[in-house]
Amino acid sequence: MLKTRLPMKLSPEEELFLRQWIYDEAHYQDGQGPAKRLQLERRIPPADMALLIAAAIPDPAAQEAASLSPASPQTARWPWSPNDFHKRLAEARTILEG
């Protein structure tokens, strides 16, 4: 039997950013989107972003929906300090290992 986990709670800013990142990643051949650019500027591996998404937005249908329309391309901003990002990654790992 599959264990159902409660998704990681996101702030509204984190959710907007991750949804925009999903869209940017799905449309990367069309050009670098704002969330993807911010991720690359901070030298964050895409796998780390995927880990946060897996913990916070585990439903494949919700991920697909995010890939179909931009969340907030004009207002995309990085919602984490360096220390906060690493704490959130650790939290995501704990949730996924749970």
N, C-alpha and C. Protein backbone atom coordinates (compact mmCIF):
# COMPACT_ATOMS: atom_id res chain seq x y z
N MET A 1 0.85 -1.18 0.00
CA MET A 1 0.00 0.00 0.00
C MET A 1 0.89 1.25 0.00
N LEU A 2 0.56 2.20 -0.82
CA LEU A 2 1.32 3.44 -0.88
C LEU A 2 1.04 4.31 0.33
N LYS A 3 2.10 4.88 0.87
CA LYS A 3 1.93 5.85 1.95
C LYS A 3 1.60 7.19 1.33
N THR A 4 0.59 7.82 1.87
CA THR A 4 0.32 9.18 1.42
C THR A 4 0.93 10.14 2.42
N ARG A 5 1.68 11.06 1.91
CA ARG A 5 2.35 12.04 2.75
C ARG A 5 1.64 13.37 2.61
N LEU A 6 1.65 14.10 3.69
CA LEU A 6 1.17 15.46 3.59
C LEU A 6 2.21 16.27 2.84
N PRO A 7 1.79 17.08 1.89
CA PRO A 7 2.78 17.88 1.16
C PRO A 7 3.43 18.93 2.06
N MET A 8 4.61 19.31 1.68
CA MET A 8 5.34 20.36 2.38
C MET A 8 4.55 21.65 2.25
N LYS A 9 4.40 22.37 3.33
CA LYS A 9 3.69 23.65 3.30
C LYS A 9 4.61 24.71 2.69
N LEU A 10 4.05 25.46 1.78
CA LEU A 10 4.81 26.54 1.12
C LEU A 10 4.20 27.89 1.48
N SER A 11 5.06 28.90 1.51
CA SER A 11 4.54 30.26 1.60
C SER A 11 3.96 30.58 0.22
N PRO A 12 3.09 31.59 0.13
CA PRO A 12 2.57 31.97 -1.19
C PRO A 12 3.68 32.33 -2.18
N GLU A 13 4.74 32.98 -1.69
CA GLU A 13 5.86 33.36 -2.57
C GLU A 13 6.60 32.12 -3.08
N GLU A 14 6.79 31.14 -2.19
CA GLU A 14 7.47 29.91 -2.62
C GLU A 14 6.64 29.17 -3.66
N GLU A 15 5.35 29.08 -3.42
CA GLU A 15 4.49 28.37 -4.37
C GLU A 15 4.48 29.06 -5.73
N LEU A 16 4.33 30.38 -5.75
CA LEU A 16 4.37 31.09 -7.03
C LEU A 16 5.69 30.86 -7.75
N PHE A 17 6.78 30.93 -7.00
CA PHE A 17 8.08 30.75 -7.63
C PHE A 17 8.22 29.34 -8.21
N LEU A 18 7.87 28.31 -7.41
CA LEU A 18 8.03 26.94 -7.89
C LEU A 18 7.12 26.66 -9.08
N ARG A 19 5.91 27.18 -9.06
CA ARG A 19 5.03 27.00 -10.22
C ARG A 19 5.59 27.70 -11.46
N GLN A 20 6.17 28.88 -11.28
CA GLN A 20 6.80 29.57 -12.41
C GLN A 20 8.02 28.79 -12.89
N TRP A 21 8.77 28.21 -11.95
CA TRP A 21 9.95 27.43 -12.32
C TRP A 21 9.55 26.21 -13.13
N ILE A 22 8.47 25.54 -12.73
CA ILE A 22 7.97 24.39 -13.49
C ILE A 22 7.65 24.83 -14.93
N TYR A 23 6.95 25.94 -15.05
CA TYR A 23 6.61 26.46 -16.38
C TYR A 23 7.88 26.78 -17.17
N ASP A 24 8.80 27.49 -16.56
CA ASP A 24 10.04 27.86 -17.24
C ASP A 24 10.81 26.63 -17.69
N GLU A 25 10.87 25.63 -16.85
CA GLU A 25 11.61 24.41 -17.18
C GLU A 25 10.94 23.69 -18.35
N ALA A 26 9.62 23.64 -18.33
CA ALA A 26 8.89 22.96 -19.41
C ALA A 26 9.01 23.71 -20.75
N HIS A 27 9.27 25.00 -20.68
CA HIS A 27 9.34 25.83 -21.89
C HIS A 27 10.75 26.40 -22.12
N TYR A 28 11.74 25.71 -21.64
CA TYR A 28 13.11 26.22 -21.71
C TYR A 28 13.58 26.46 -23.15
N GLN A 29 13.10 25.64 -24.08
CA GLN A 29 13.51 25.82 -25.48
C GLN A 29 12.98 27.13 -26.06
N ASP A 30 11.98 27.70 -25.43
CA ASP A 30 11.42 28.98 -25.88
C ASP A 30 12.22 30.17 -25.35
N GLY A 31 13.16 29.91 -24.48
CA GLY A 31 13.95 30.97 -23.86
C GLY A 31 13.93 30.81 -22.34
N GLN A 32 14.92 31.39 -21.73
CA GLN A 32 15.06 31.28 -20.28
C GLN A 32 14.01 32.14 -19.57
N GLY A 33 13.17 31.50 -18.78
CA GLY A 33 12.15 32.24 -18.03
C GLY A 33 12.74 32.86 -16.77
N PRO A 34 11.99 33.72 -16.10
CA PRO A 34 12.51 34.45 -14.94
C PRO A 34 12.88 33.57 -13.75
N ALA A 35 12.09 32.57 -13.45
CA ALA A 35 12.40 31.70 -12.31
C ALA A 35 13.62 30.83 -12.63
N LYS A 36 13.70 30.33 -13.83
CA LYS A 36 14.86 29.52 -14.24
C LYS A 36 16.12 30.37 -14.18
N ARG A 37 16.03 31.63 -14.64
CA ARG A 37 17.18 32.52 -14.61
C ARG A 37 17.67 32.72 -13.16
N LEU A 38 16.72 32.96 -12.25
CA LEU A 38 17.09 33.17 -10.84
C LEU A 38 17.74 31.91 -10.25
N GLN A 39 17.24 30.76 -10.61
CA GLN A 39 17.84 29.50 -10.14
C GLN A 39 19.27 29.37 -10.65
N LEU A 40 19.48 29.65 -11.92
CA LEU A 40 20.82 29.53 -12.50
C LEU A 40 21.79 30.57 -11.92
N GLU A 41 21.30 31.79 -11.68
CA GLU A 41 22.15 32.83 -11.09
C GLU A 41 22.68 32.40 -9.73
N ARG A 42 21.89 31.63 -9.00
CA ARG A 42 22.29 31.19 -7.65
C ARG A 42 23.02 29.86 -7.67
N ARG A 43 23.22 29.32 -8.87
CA ARG A 43 23.92 28.05 -9.05
C ARG A 43 23.28 26.92 -8.25
N ILE A 44 21.97 26.91 -8.27
CA ILE A 44 21.20 25.86 -7.61
C ILE A 44 20.95 24.78 -8.65
N PRO A 45 21.29 23.54 -8.34
CA PRO A 45 21.04 22.46 -9.31
C PRO A 45 19.54 22.27 -9.54
N PRO A 46 19.14 21.98 -10.76
CA PRO A 46 17.73 21.72 -11.03
C PRO A 46 17.17 20.59 -10.17
N ALA A 47 18.02 19.63 -9.82
CA ALA A 47 17.56 18.53 -8.97
C ALA A 47 17.09 19.02 -7.60
N ASP A 48 17.69 20.09 -7.09
CA ASP A 48 17.25 20.66 -5.81
C ASP A 48 15.86 21.28 -5.96
N MET A 49 15.61 21.93 -7.07
CA MET A 49 14.30 22.50 -7.32
C MET A 49 13.26 21.37 -7.44
N ALA A 50 13.64 20.33 -8.15
CA ALA A 50 12.75 19.18 -8.32
C ALA A 50 12.42 18.52 -6.98
N LEU A 51 13.39 18.48 -6.09
CA LEU A 51 13.17 17.91 -4.75
C LEU A 51 12.11 18.72 -4.00
N LEU A 52 12.22 20.03 -4.04
CA LEU A 52 11.22 20.88 -3.39
C LEU A 52 9.84 20.66 -4.01
N ILE A 53 9.79 20.57 -5.32
CA ILE A 53 8.52 20.36 -6.01
C ILE A 53 7.92 19.01 -5.64
N ALA A 54 8.74 17.98 -5.61
CA ALA A 54 8.24 16.64 -5.26
C ALA A 54 7.64 16.62 -3.86
N ALA A 55 8.23 17.36 -2.94
CA ALA A 55 7.74 17.40 -1.56
C ALA A 55 6.52 18.30 -1.40
N ALA A 56 6.47 19.38 -2.17
CA ALA A 56 5.42 20.38 -1.97
C ALA A 56 4.25 20.26 -2.95
N ILE A 57 4.54 19.79 -4.14
CA ILE A 57 3.50 19.66 -5.18
C ILE A 57 3.59 18.24 -5.74
N PRO A 58 3.25 17.23 -4.93
CA PRO A 58 3.48 15.84 -5.34
C PRO A 58 2.53 15.33 -6.42
N ASP A 59 1.42 16.00 -6.63
CA ASP A 59 0.44 15.54 -7.61
C ASP A 59 0.92 15.81 -9.03
N PRO A 60 1.14 14.75 -9.83
CA PRO A 60 1.59 14.96 -11.21
C PRO A 60 0.64 15.85 -12.03
N ALA A 61 -0.65 15.77 -11.77
CA ALA A 61 -1.60 16.61 -12.51
C ALA A 61 -1.40 18.08 -12.16
N ALA A 62 -1.10 18.39 -10.91
CA ALA A 62 -0.84 19.78 -10.50
C ALA A 62 0.46 20.27 -11.12
N GLN A 63 1.46 19.40 -11.21
CA GLN A 63 2.71 19.78 -11.85
C GLN A 63 2.50 20.03 -13.34
N GLU A 64 1.71 19.18 -13.97
CA GLU A 64 1.43 19.37 -15.39
C GLU A 64 0.67 20.67 -15.62
N ALA A 65 -0.31 20.95 -14.76
CA ALA A 65 -1.06 22.20 -14.88
C ALA A 65 -0.13 23.41 -14.77
N ALA A 66 0.83 23.34 -13.85
CA ALA A 66 1.78 24.45 -13.69
C ALA A 66 2.64 24.61 -14.94
N SER A 67 2.89 23.52 -15.65
CA SER A 67 3.73 23.59 -16.85
C SER A 67 3.01 24.23 -18.03
N LEU A 68 1.69 24.37 -17.92
CA LEU A 68 0.90 24.85 -19.06
C LEU A 68 0.69 26.36 -19.09
N SER A 69 0.78 27.01 -17.92
CA SER A 69 0.60 28.46 -17.92
C SER A 69 1.51 29.09 -16.88
N PRO A 70 2.11 30.23 -17.22
CA PRO A 70 3.03 30.88 -16.28
C PRO A 70 2.29 31.34 -15.02
N ALA A 71 2.99 31.23 -13.89
CA ALA A 71 2.39 31.64 -12.61
C ALA A 71 2.44 33.16 -12.47
N SER A 72 3.64 33.72 -12.59
CA SER A 72 3.79 35.17 -12.40
C SER A 72 5.12 35.62 -12.99
N PRO A 73 5.29 35.54 -14.29
CA PRO A 73 6.59 35.85 -14.87
C PRO A 73 7.10 37.25 -14.58
N GLN A 74 6.20 38.22 -14.45
CA GLN A 74 6.65 39.59 -14.21
C GLN A 74 7.09 39.80 -12.75
N THR A 75 6.58 38.99 -11.86
CA THR A 75 6.89 39.21 -10.44
C THR A 75 7.74 38.10 -9.84
N ALA A 76 8.30 37.22 -10.66
CA ALA A 76 9.12 36.14 -10.14
C ALA A 76 10.30 36.71 -9.36
N ARG A 77 10.42 36.28 -8.12
CA ARG A 77 11.58 36.67 -7.31
C ARG A 77 11.96 35.48 -6.46
N TRP A 78 13.24 35.38 -6.14
CA TRP A 78 13.76 34.27 -5.36
C TRP A 78 13.25 34.41 -3.92
N PRO A 79 12.47 33.45 -3.43
CA PRO A 79 11.84 33.63 -2.12
C PRO A 79 12.64 33.15 -0.91
N TRP A 80 13.90 32.74 -1.10
CA TRP A 80 14.68 32.19 0.00
C TRP A 80 16.01 32.91 0.18
N SER A 81 16.43 33.04 1.44
CA SER A 81 17.81 33.43 1.70
C SER A 81 18.63 32.15 1.50
N PRO A 82 19.96 32.25 1.35
CA PRO A 82 20.75 31.01 1.17
C PRO A 82 20.52 30.00 2.29
N ASN A 83 20.49 30.46 3.51
CA ASN A 83 20.30 29.55 4.64
C ASN A 83 18.90 28.95 4.62
N ASP A 84 17.90 29.76 4.33
CA ASP A 84 16.52 29.27 4.28
C ASP A 84 16.34 28.22 3.19
N PHE A 85 16.98 28.42 2.05
CA PHE A 85 16.84 27.45 0.96
C PHE A 85 17.35 26.09 1.40
N HIS A 86 18.49 26.06 2.07
CA HIS A 86 19.05 24.77 2.50
C HIS A 86 18.21 24.13 3.59
N LYS A 87 17.59 24.93 4.44
CA LYS A 87 16.67 24.39 5.45
C LYS A 87 15.44 23.77 4.77
N ARG A 88 14.94 24.46 3.75
CA ARG A 88 13.76 23.94 3.04
C ARG A 88 14.10 22.65 2.29
N LEU A 89 15.31 22.56 1.75
CA LEU A 89 15.74 21.33 1.08
C LEU A 89 15.79 20.18 2.08
N ALA A 90 16.34 20.43 3.27
CA ALA A 90 16.41 19.41 4.30
C ALA A 90 15.00 18.97 4.71
N GLU A 91 14.09 19.93 4.81
CA GLU A 91 12.70 19.61 5.14
C GLU A 91 12.08 18.75 4.05
N ALA A 92 12.32 19.07 2.80
CA ALA A 92 11.79 18.30 1.68
C ALA A 92 12.33 16.87 1.72
N ARG A 93 13.62 16.72 1.97
CA ARG A 93 14.21 15.38 2.04
C ARG A 93 13.54 14.55 3.15
N THR A 94 13.33 15.18 4.30
CA THR A 94 12.69 14.48 5.42
C THR A 94 11.29 14.03 5.03
N ILE A 95 10.54 14.89 4.40
CA ILE A 95 9.17 14.56 3.97
C ILE A 95 9.20 13.39 2.98
N LEU A 96 10.09 13.44 2.02
CA LEU A 96 10.14 12.42 0.98
C LEU A 96 10.67 11.08 1.50
N GLU A 97 11.53 11.13 2.49
CA GLU A 97 12.07 9.89 3.08
C GLU A 97 11.07 9.26 4.04
N GLY A 98 10.17 10.12 4.60
CA GLY A 98 9.20 9.78 5.62
C GLY A 98 8.62 8.45 5.53
